[in-house]
């Protein structure tokens, strides 16, 4: 597994300097795949320190979708339909954005999302067997 510093150096080396969201989201995608949520928070803070919080608005707004596609779908037993329903009705995206810059909070929010999805799956399966 690559170190956070190595990932950040790679994404910045490949960046053309135009849109800060490019290296930010590239780093988040790689970190999300390995469930490195604390490192996502650290990388977001590093980008804010270097480029300013306003430069990360687009990236933070897209953070929930990146986590959904790079972690959530493959980390739960829930069907895509259950995940999509949960995502639309339970403000998962807002919770992720609120936790993004708080140490240790992003991992807790994503863990709760996975727990909720798994519980919904158990309920859906028990409803079908009745």
Protein backbone atom coordinates (compact mmCIF):
# COMPACT_ATOMS: atom_id res chain seq x y z
CA UNK A 1 0.00 0.00 0.00
CA UNK A 2 1.34 3.41 -0.96
CA UNK A 3 1.93 6.02 1.70
CA UNK A 4 -0.30 9.08 1.74
CA UNK A 5 2.69 11.24 0.85
CA UNK A 6 3.45 9.06 -2.18
CA UNK A 7 -0.14 9.24 -3.38
CA UNK A 8 -0.21 13.02 -3.02
CA UNK A 9 3.10 13.40 -4.85
CA UNK A 10 1.81 11.19 -7.69
CA UNK A 11 -1.46 13.05 -8.15
CA UNK A 12 0.25 16.43 -8.03
CA UNK A 13 2.98 15.31 -10.46
CA UNK A 14 0.35 14.27 -13.00
CA UNK A 15 -1.70 17.42 -12.59
CA UNK A 16 -1.72 20.12 -15.27
CA UNK A 17 -2.30 22.86 -12.68
CA UNK A 18 -5.73 23.91 -13.90
CA UNK A 19 -8.41 22.44 -11.63
CA UNK A 20 -7.54 21.57 -8.05
CA UNK A 21 -10.35 19.02 -8.08
CA UNK A 22 -8.34 16.76 -10.40
CA UNK A 23 -5.59 15.81 -7.92
CA UNK A 24 -7.96 15.98 -4.95
CA UNK A 25 -10.46 13.53 -6.43
CA UNK A 26 -7.70 11.29 -7.80
CA UNK A 27 -6.24 10.98 -4.29
CA UNK A 28 -9.68 10.41 -2.75
CA UNK A 29 -10.48 7.66 -5.28
CA UNK A 30 -7.30 5.78 -4.47
CA UNK A 31 -7.68 6.19 -0.71
CA UNK A 32 -11.38 5.24 -0.73
CA UNK A 33 -10.62 1.98 -2.51
CA UNK A 34 -8.51 0.94 0.48
CA UNK A 35 -10.92 2.38 3.10
CA UNK A 36 -8.34 4.95 4.19
CA UNK A 37 -10.85 7.49 5.44
CA UNK A 38 -8.55 9.19 7.94
CA UNK A 39 -6.05 9.70 5.11
CA UNK A 40 -8.82 11.23 3.00
CA UNK A 41 -9.37 13.78 5.77
CA UNK A 42 -5.63 14.42 6.02
CA UNK A 43 -5.32 14.88 2.25
CA UNK A 44 -8.29 17.26 2.15
CA UNK A 45 -6.70 19.32 4.93
CA UNK A 46 -3.38 19.34 3.05
CA UNK A 47 -5.05 20.57 -0.12
CA UNK A 48 -6.89 23.27 1.84
CA UNK A 49 -3.61 24.39 3.41
CA UNK A 50 -2.02 24.64 -0.03
CA UNK A 51 -4.88 25.95 -2.18
CA UNK A 52 -7.51 27.34 0.20
CA UNK A 53 -10.89 25.99 1.24
CA UNK A 54 -12.78 27.70 -1.59
CA UNK A 55 -10.71 25.74 -4.13
CA UNK A 56 -12.06 22.46 -2.72
CA UNK A 57 -15.80 23.23 -2.91
CA UNK A 58 -16.26 21.16 -6.09
CA UNK A 59 -14.21 18.27 -4.67
CA UNK A 60 -16.08 18.18 -1.37
CA UNK A 61 -19.41 18.28 -3.19
CA UNK A 62 -18.32 15.24 -5.20
CA UNK A 63 -16.80 13.36 -2.25
CA UNK A 64 -20.00 11.41 -1.45
CA UNK A 65 -20.27 10.13 -5.02
CA UNK A 66 -16.62 9.11 -5.08
CA UNK A 67 -17.04 7.18 -1.82
CA UNK A 68 -20.25 5.62 -3.09
CA UNK A 69 -18.65 4.31 -6.26
CA UNK A 70 -15.19 3.48 -4.94
CA UNK A 71 -16.13 1.99 -1.58
CA UNK A 72 -19.78 1.67 -0.57
CA UNK A 73 -21.12 -0.39 -3.47
CA UNK A 74 -18.40 -3.02 -3.04
CA UNK A 75 -18.36 -3.03 0.76
CA UNK A 76 -21.93 -3.98 1.53
CA UNK A 77 -24.13 -6.96 0.85
CA UNK A 78 -26.92 -4.54 -0.07
CA UNK A 79 -28.14 -4.53 -3.64
CA UNK A 80 -27.54 -1.46 -5.76
CA UNK A 81 -31.25 -0.65 -5.45
CA UNK A 82 -31.06 -0.63 -1.64
CA UNK A 83 -27.89 1.47 -1.71
CA UNK A 84 -29.45 3.95 -4.11
CA UNK A 85 -32.64 4.21 -2.05
CA UNK A 86 -30.63 4.75 1.14
CA UNK A 87 -28.40 7.32 -0.56
CA UNK A 88 -31.37 9.35 -1.75
CA UNK A 89 -33.44 9.18 1.44
CA UNK A 90 -30.98 9.29 4.33
CA UNK A 91 -28.78 12.29 3.63
CA UNK A 92 -25.66 10.15 3.42
CA UNK A 93 -23.98 12.69 1.18
CA UNK A 94 -24.57 15.52 3.63
CA UNK A 95 -23.19 13.43 6.49
CA UNK A 96 -20.07 12.62 4.48
CA UNK A 97 -19.47 16.26 3.57
CA UNK A 98 -19.99 17.33 7.19
CA UNK A 99 -17.46 14.76 8.40
CA UNK A 100 -14.85 15.26 5.68
CA UNK A 101 -12.57 17.64 7.59
CA UNK A 102 -13.11 16.28 11.11
CA UNK A 103 -10.47 13.86 12.36
CA UNK A 104 -11.85 10.34 12.69
CA UNK A 105 -15.38 11.32 11.70
CA UNK A 106 -15.39 10.27 8.06
CA UNK A 107 -14.56 6.67 8.98
CA UNK A 108 -17.38 6.67 11.53
CA UNK A 109 -19.92 8.05 9.07
CA UNK A 110 -19.01 5.57 6.34
CA UNK A 111 -19.07 2.71 8.85
CA UNK A 112 -22.57 3.73 9.94
CA UNK A 113 -23.69 3.87 6.32
CA UNK A 114 -22.42 0.34 5.72
CA UNK A 115 -24.09 -0.88 8.93
CA UNK A 116 -27.38 0.72 7.92
CA UNK A 117 -27.20 -0.80 4.45
CA UNK A 118 -26.43 -4.24 5.80
CA UNK A 119 -29.35 -3.96 8.24
CA UNK A 120 -31.65 -2.92 5.40
CA UNK A 121 -30.49 -5.97 3.45
CA UNK A 122 -31.31 -8.29 6.35
CA UNK A 123 -34.76 -6.74 6.63
CA UNK A 124 -35.36 -7.05 2.90
CA UNK A 125 -34.33 -10.71 2.96
CA UNK A 126 -36.53 -11.49 5.96
CA UNK A 127 -39.49 -9.76 4.27
CA UNK A 128 -39.03 -11.97 1.21
CA UNK A 129 -38.89 -15.18 3.23
CA UNK A 130 -42.18 -14.50 4.99
